Amino acid sequence: MTDHAPDRPSTPAAAQPLPEHSQLGKSSAYVDRYDPSLLFPLPRAPKRAEVGITGSLPFVGADLWMAFEVSWLNPKGKPQVALAQITVPAETPHIIESKSFKLYLNSLNNTTFADMDAVRQTLRTDLTEAAWRGAPAVGASVGVRLLAPELFDREPVQELDGVNLDRLDIECTRYQPAPELLSAAFDEQPVTETLTSHLLKSNCLVTGQPDWGSVQISYTGPQIDQEGLLKYIVSFRNHNEFHEQCVERMFMDIWTRCKPTKLTVYARYTRRGGLDISPWRTSHPQALPPHIRTARQ
């Protein structure tokens, strides 16, 4: 990065930020010069406490972001574009509020960088700082991969694998999370299966704007009642919570109500503001799912 970009400001620890303190739902000036202070981290702990997570995490995972509006200037002033795949580890103490991320990305638009790797390193440094802000030590860094235009046509589109719950002809009457709809066959042999639905919808915690998604639930354990599970997924329809929080709520409800020995919950939410977020939580270590978007993303 050349001297066109200002120095990264220091970020001393401060009072815990709240969602309503962010730029969500507010008129925002679009800064087009590099400004990492635009990133607005929000603590994960309060929402995790709501679903019974107060100590060590019962899962591992990551928030998989895809950014479709990434641009900067090369040393000759010529605009460059890329796609960005970003992996935020679930163990980070903060999520990064998505509008602040969009504003931050826009701040690169008229900023000169030596090359794509300089952009990648800048994103990695700034996003890692925001995700771990105030922590006594920094753990796993945020992962960043930039895809140049010549690689765009290699990006696959694929739906989530699994048995489609949406085939079930059910009556839905609950539109706030209702974990009591979940049940499992504890008196039968355990099963291993993967179930999917495209009927996930929740709303932004601050603005109430709709968030649409598909969800995949893979587990080993007592067989989960499929009709109840689909009704439970639909019950998020009028619920106000960020993507990451919805997936962790879903994981904890299934984990405690259905008692699987292994569980993975993976939601791919559709794009808004040039960004999509796909949270992935699993009870047991395994490879991250590939960055493959669905048709709706």
Protein backbone atom coordinates (compact mmCIF):
# COMPACT_ATOMS: atom_id res chain seq x y z
CA MET A 1 0.00 0.00 0.00
CA THR A 2 1.42 3.42 -0.90
CA ASP A 3 1.40 6.65 1.08
CA HIS A 4 -2.05 7.45 -0.36
CA ALA A 5 -3.50 5.38 2.50
CA PRO A 6 -3.38 6.93 5.99
CA ASP A 7 -1.86 5.14 8.94
CA ARG A 8 -4.07 2.69 10.78
CA PRO A 9 -5.51 4.46 13.85
CA SER A 10 -5.07 3.00 17.28
CA THR A 11 -8.17 1.42 18.85
CA PRO A 12 -8.07 1.59 22.62
CA ALA A 13 -10.49 -0.55 24.58
CA ALA A 14 -13.82 1.18 25.25
CA ALA A 15 -17.27 0.43 26.56
CA GLN A 16 -18.96 -2.53 24.90
CA PRO A 17 -20.54 -1.34 21.63
CA LEU A 18 -24.23 -2.00 21.02
CA PRO A 19 -25.93 -2.71 17.67
CA GLU A 20 -27.85 0.58 17.86
CA HIS A 21 -24.53 2.44 18.03
CA SER A 22 -23.58 1.17 14.56
CA GLN A 23 -24.43 2.77 11.21
CA LEU A 24 -27.29 0.32 10.64
CA GLY A 25 -30.49 2.11 9.66
CA LYS A 26 -28.74 5.49 9.53
CA SER A 27 -27.78 7.75 6.66
CA SER A 28 -24.06 7.23 6.08
CA ALA A 29 -21.43 9.20 4.22
CA TYR A 30 -19.51 6.95 1.85
CA VAL A 31 -15.83 7.45 2.61
CA ASP A 32 -13.66 6.50 -0.39
CA ARG A 33 -10.25 6.76 1.26
CA TYR A 34 -8.85 3.98 3.42
CA ASP A 35 -10.34 4.15 6.91
CA PRO A 36 -10.21 1.00 9.11
CA SER A 37 -11.94 2.88 11.94
CA LEU A 38 -15.19 2.33 10.00
CA LEU A 39 -15.23 -1.32 11.10
CA PHE A 40 -17.70 -1.81 13.95
CA PRO A 41 -17.20 -5.00 16.01
CA LEU A 42 -20.03 -6.26 18.18
CA PRO A 43 -19.45 -8.64 21.12
CA ARG A 44 -20.74 -12.18 20.69
CA ALA A 45 -21.08 -12.83 24.44
CA PRO A 46 -24.48 -11.20 25.21
CA LYS A 47 -26.38 -13.15 22.56
CA ARG A 48 -24.50 -16.34 23.40
CA ALA A 49 -25.55 -15.94 27.03
CA GLU A 50 -29.18 -15.82 25.88
CA VAL A 51 -28.88 -19.37 24.51
CA GLY A 52 -26.92 -20.74 27.45
CA ILE A 53 -23.32 -20.30 26.28
CA THR A 54 -21.37 -18.70 29.11
CA GLY A 55 -18.12 -20.66 29.31
CA SER A 56 -16.18 -22.64 26.76
CA LEU A 57 -17.91 -22.94 23.41
CA PRO A 58 -19.82 -26.16 22.68
CA PHE A 59 -18.89 -25.82 19.02
CA VAL A 60 -16.19 -24.76 16.62
CA GLY A 61 -16.81 -23.01 13.35
CA ALA A 62 -16.57 -19.85 11.34
CA ASP A 63 -18.53 -17.11 9.64
CA LEU A 64 -17.89 -17.36 5.90
CA TRP A 65 -18.27 -14.01 4.15
CA MET A 66 -18.32 -13.33 0.41
CA ALA A 67 -17.79 -9.73 -0.71
CA PHE A 68 -18.77 -8.91 -4.28
CA GLU A 69 -17.91 -5.19 -4.29
CA VAL A 70 -14.16 -4.90 -3.71
CA SER A 71 -12.19 -2.30 -5.65
CA TRP A 72 -9.05 -0.16 -5.31
CA LEU A 73 -6.53 1.72 -7.46
CA ASN A 74 -3.23 0.37 -8.74
CA PRO A 75 -0.08 2.58 -8.70
CA LYS A 76 -1.11 4.02 -12.10
CA GLY A 77 -4.53 5.01 -10.76
CA LYS A 78 -6.34 2.30 -12.70
CA PRO A 79 -9.29 0.71 -10.82
CA GLN A 80 -8.97 -2.94 -9.89
CA VAL A 81 -11.77 -5.31 -8.84
CA ALA A 82 -11.93 -8.64 -7.04
CA LEU A 83 -14.16 -10.96 -5.08
CA ALA A 84 -13.22 -11.53 -1.45
CA GLN A 85 -13.74 -14.70 0.57
CA ILE A 86 -13.40 -13.98 4.28
CA THR A 87 -13.36 -16.50 7.14
CA VAL A 88 -13.99 -15.18 10.66
CA PRO A 89 -13.31 -17.87 13.31
CA ALA A 90 -16.23 -18.49 15.69
CA GLU A 91 -13.89 -18.17 18.68
CA THR A 92 -13.31 -14.46 18.00
CA PRO A 93 -14.98 -12.35 20.71
CA HIS A 94 -16.70 -10.13 18.13
CA ILE A 95 -18.71 -10.30 14.96
CA ILE A 96 -18.16 -7.49 12.46
CA GLU A 97 -21.35 -5.58 11.74
CA SER A 98 -22.04 -5.93 8.02
CA LYS A 99 -22.86 -2.32 7.09
CA SER A 100 -19.63 -1.17 8.74
CA PHE A 101 -17.82 -3.79 6.67
CA LYS A 102 -19.42 -2.45 3.49
CA LEU A 103 -18.42 1.13 4.42
CA TYR A 104 -14.89 -0.07 5.15
CA LEU A 105 -14.64 -1.80 1.77
CA ASN A 106 -15.86 1.37 0.06
CA SER A 107 -13.02 3.25 1.74
CA LEU A 108 -10.63 1.30 -0.48
CA ASN A 109 -12.23 2.58 -3.70
CA ASN A 110 -9.93 5.57 -4.24
CA THR A 111 -6.98 4.23 -2.28
CA THR A 112 -3.80 3.15 -4.06
CA PHE A 113 -2.25 -0.24 -3.30
CA ALA A 114 0.93 -1.70 -4.73
CA ASP A 115 -0.78 -4.97 -5.71
CA MET A 116 -3.55 -7.39 -4.78
CA ASP A 117 -1.49 -8.98 -2.04
CA ALA A 118 -1.17 -5.60 -0.31
CA VAL A 119 -4.96 -5.34 -0.34
CA ARG A 120 -5.31 -8.85 1.06
CA GLN A 121 -2.81 -8.19 3.84
CA THR A 122 -4.56 -4.94 4.76
CA LEU A 123 -7.96 -6.64 4.93
CA ARG A 124 -6.55 -9.50 7.01
CA THR A 125 -4.87 -7.13 9.49
CA ASP A 126 -7.86 -4.81 9.91
CA LEU A 127 -10.50 -7.53 10.14
CA THR A 128 -8.42 -9.55 12.61
CA GLU A 129 -7.96 -6.46 14.79
CA ALA A 130 -11.70 -5.75 14.77
CA ALA A 131 -12.72 -9.35 15.49
CA TRP A 132 -10.28 -9.63 18.43
CA ARG A 133 -10.55 -6.02 19.67
CA GLY A 134 -10.00 -5.72 23.41
CA ALA A 135 -9.02 -9.38 23.84
CA PRO A 136 -5.94 -10.06 26.00
CA ALA A 137 -4.47 -12.14 23.18
CA VAL A 138 -5.21 -12.65 19.51
CA GLY A 139 -5.99 -16.20 18.45
CA ALA A 140 -6.68 -17.38 14.93
CA SER A 141 -6.51 -14.62 12.34
CA VAL A 142 -9.33 -13.79 9.98
CA GLY A 143 -8.71 -15.52 6.65
CA VAL A 144 -8.87 -13.50 3.44
CA ARG A 145 -8.71 -14.75 -0.15
CA LEU A 146 -9.05 -12.38 -3.10
CA LEU A 147 -10.18 -13.68 -6.48
CA ALA A 148 -9.08 -11.78 -9.57
CA PRO A 149 -11.50 -11.35 -12.51
CA GLU A 150 -9.82 -14.11 -14.52
CA LEU A 151 -10.98 -16.55 -11.81
CA PHE A 152 -14.60 -15.39 -11.67
CA ASP A 153 -15.89 -18.06 -14.05
CA ARG A 154 -14.47 -20.79 -11.80
CA GLU A 155 -16.80 -19.85 -8.93
CA PRO A 156 -19.34 -22.68 -8.61
CA VAL A 157 -23.02 -22.40 -7.75
CA GLN A 158 -24.39 -25.37 -5.85
CA GLU A 159 -27.28 -26.07 -3.51
CA LEU A 160 -26.76 -27.57 -0.07
CA ASP A 161 -26.69 -31.38 0.01
CA GLY A 162 -29.23 -33.28 2.07
CA VAL A 163 -32.82 -34.42 2.34
CA ASN A 164 -35.08 -31.46 1.53
CA LEU A 165 -37.47 -30.79 4.40
CA ASP A 166 -39.48 -28.37 2.27
CA ARG A 167 -41.21 -31.32 0.61
CA LEU A 168 -43.31 -31.75 3.76
CA ASP A 169 -46.88 -30.41 3.66
CA ILE A 170 -47.03 -28.80 7.09
CA GLU A 171 -49.16 -26.16 8.78
CA CYS A 172 -47.10 -23.29 10.21
CA THR A 173 -48.41 -21.01 12.95
CA ARG A 174 -45.26 -20.02 14.86
CA TYR A 175 -43.06 -17.18 13.63
CA GLN A 176 -40.80 -16.62 16.62
CA PRO A 177 -38.18 -19.25 17.59
CA ALA A 178 -40.04 -22.15 19.19
CA PRO A 179 -37.56 -24.83 20.36
CA GLU A 180 -40.45 -26.79 21.88
CA LEU A 181 -41.33 -27.84 18.33
CA LEU A 182 -38.16 -29.98 18.27
CA SER A 183 -38.28 -33.64 19.23
CA ALA A 184 -36.34 -36.83 18.55
CA ALA A 185 -36.87 -40.60 18.77
CA PHE A 186 -34.80 -41.34 21.88
CA ASP A 187 -36.11 -44.93 22.11
CA GLU A 188 -34.89 -45.92 18.63
CA GLN A 189 -31.52 -46.62 17.05
CA PRO A 190 -29.46 -43.49 16.33
CA VAL A 191 -29.10 -42.29 12.74
CA THR A 192 -26.73 -40.14 10.73
CA GLU A 193 -28.40 -37.82 8.26
CA THR A 194 -28.30 -34.40 6.64
CA LEU A 195 -31.43 -32.27 6.31
CA THR A 196 -31.87 -29.00 4.42
CA SER A 197 -34.42 -26.24 3.97
CA HIS A 198 -34.69 -23.07 1.88
CA LEU A 199 -37.37 -21.61 4.16
CA LEU A 200 -35.09 -19.88 6.64
CA LYS A 201 -35.89 -16.21 7.10
CA SER A 202 -35.02 -13.88 9.94
CA ASN A 203 -34.72 -10.10 10.25
CA CYS A 204 -31.88 -7.71 10.96
CA LEU A 205 -31.61 -7.09 14.69
CA VAL A 206 -31.58 -3.29 14.24
CA THR A 207 -33.40 -2.40 11.00
CA GLY A 208 -35.88 -5.26 10.75
CA GLN A 209 -34.87 -5.78 7.11
CA PRO A 210 -35.49 -9.38 5.97
CA ASP A 211 -32.61 -11.85 5.78
CA TRP A 212 -33.24 -14.89 3.56
CA GLY A 213 -31.30 -18.12 3.77
CA SER A 214 -30.97 -21.84 3.28
CA VAL A 215 -29.91 -24.08 6.15
CA GLN A 216 -28.27 -27.49 6.36
CA ILE A 217 -28.41 -29.60 9.54
CA SER A 218 -26.16 -32.67 9.76
CA TYR A 219 -26.20 -34.86 12.84
CA THR A 220 -25.66 -38.27 14.40
CA GLY A 221 -28.00 -39.30 17.19
CA PRO A 222 -31.68 -39.91 17.92
CA GLN A 223 -33.65 -39.32 14.73
CA ILE A 224 -35.05 -35.78 14.71
CA ASP A 225 -38.72 -35.40 13.83
CA GLN A 226 -38.60 -33.76 10.39
CA GLU A 227 -41.96 -31.98 10.56
CA GLY A 228 -41.09 -30.45 13.90
CA LEU A 229 -37.66 -29.41 12.64
CA LEU A 230 -39.13 -27.69 9.58
CA LYS A 231 -41.70 -25.87 11.71
CA TYR A 232 -38.85 -24.81 13.99
CA ILE A 233 -36.85 -23.41 11.06
CA VAL A 234 -39.92 -21.51 9.85
CA SER A 235 -40.42 -20.14 13.36
CA PHE A 236 -37.44 -17.79 12.83
CA ARG A 237 -39.46 -15.90 10.20
CA ASN A 238 -40.24 -12.80 12.30
CA HIS A 239 -37.24 -13.08 14.63
CA ASN A 240 -34.81 -10.15 14.82
CA GLU A 241 -31.21 -11.36 15.17
CA PHE A 242 -27.98 -11.30 13.19
CA HIS A 243 -27.13 -14.29 10.98
CA GLU A 244 -24.40 -15.59 13.26
CA GLN A 245 -26.69 -15.41 16.30
CA CYS A 246 -29.55 -17.22 14.57
CA VAL A 247 -27.28 -20.14 13.66
CA GLU A 248 -25.90 -20.42 17.18
CA ARG A 249 -29.44 -20.31 18.60
CA MET A 250 -30.42 -23.07 16.19
CA PHE A 251 -27.38 -25.16 17.13
CA MET A 252 -28.05 -24.84 20.87
CA ASP A 253 -31.77 -25.58 20.59
CA ILE A 254 -31.17 -28.76 18.57
CA TRP A 255 -28.20 -29.75 20.76
CA THR A 256 -30.16 -29.47 24.00
CA ARG A 257 -33.58 -30.68 22.80
CA CYS A 258 -32.60 -33.53 20.46
CA LYS A 259 -29.31 -34.53 22.11
CA PRO A 260 -27.30 -35.63 19.06
CA THR A 261 -23.79 -36.92 19.62
CA LYS A 262 -22.61 -34.88 16.63
CA LEU A 263 -24.20 -31.78 15.12
CA THR A 264 -23.40 -29.26 12.40
CA VAL A 265 -25.59 -26.29 11.49
CA TYR A 266 -24.70 -24.33 8.35
CA ALA A 267 -26.76 -21.46 6.96
CA ARG A 268 -26.12 -19.66 3.69
CA TYR A 269 -27.83 -16.28 3.78
CA THR A 270 -28.49 -14.30 0.62
CA ARG A 271 -26.52 -11.25 -0.37
CA ARG A 272 -27.33 -7.77 0.95
CA GLY A 273 -25.23 -4.69 0.24
CA GLY A 274 -22.77 -6.72 -1.80
CA LEU A 275 -22.08 -9.11 1.08
CA ASP A 276 -23.34 -12.51 2.07
CA ILE A 277 -22.66 -14.30 5.36
CA SER A 278 -22.77 -18.06 5.88
CA PRO A 279 -22.28 -19.07 9.53
CA TRP A 280 -21.12 -22.64 10.19
CA ARG A 281 -21.08 -24.28 13.63
CA THR A 282 -20.12 -27.87 14.41
CA SER A 283 -19.73 -29.94 17.57
CA HIS A 284 -16.64 -31.76 16.32
CA PRO A 285 -13.51 -30.62 14.46
CA GLN A 286 -13.72 -31.03 10.69
CA ALA A 287 -12.72 -29.18 7.55
CA LEU A 288 -14.50 -25.93 6.75
CA PRO A 289 -17.18 -26.23 4.07
CA PRO A 290 -16.03 -24.94 0.69
CA HIS A 291 -16.92 -21.38 -0.31
CA ILE A 292 -19.65 -22.52 -2.73
CA ARG A 293 -22.63 -20.19 -3.04
CA THR A 294 -26.20 -21.18 -3.70
CA ALA A 295 -28.20 -19.87 -6.65
CA ARG A 296 -29.95 -17.33 -4.42
CA GLN A 297 -26.65 -15.92 -3.25
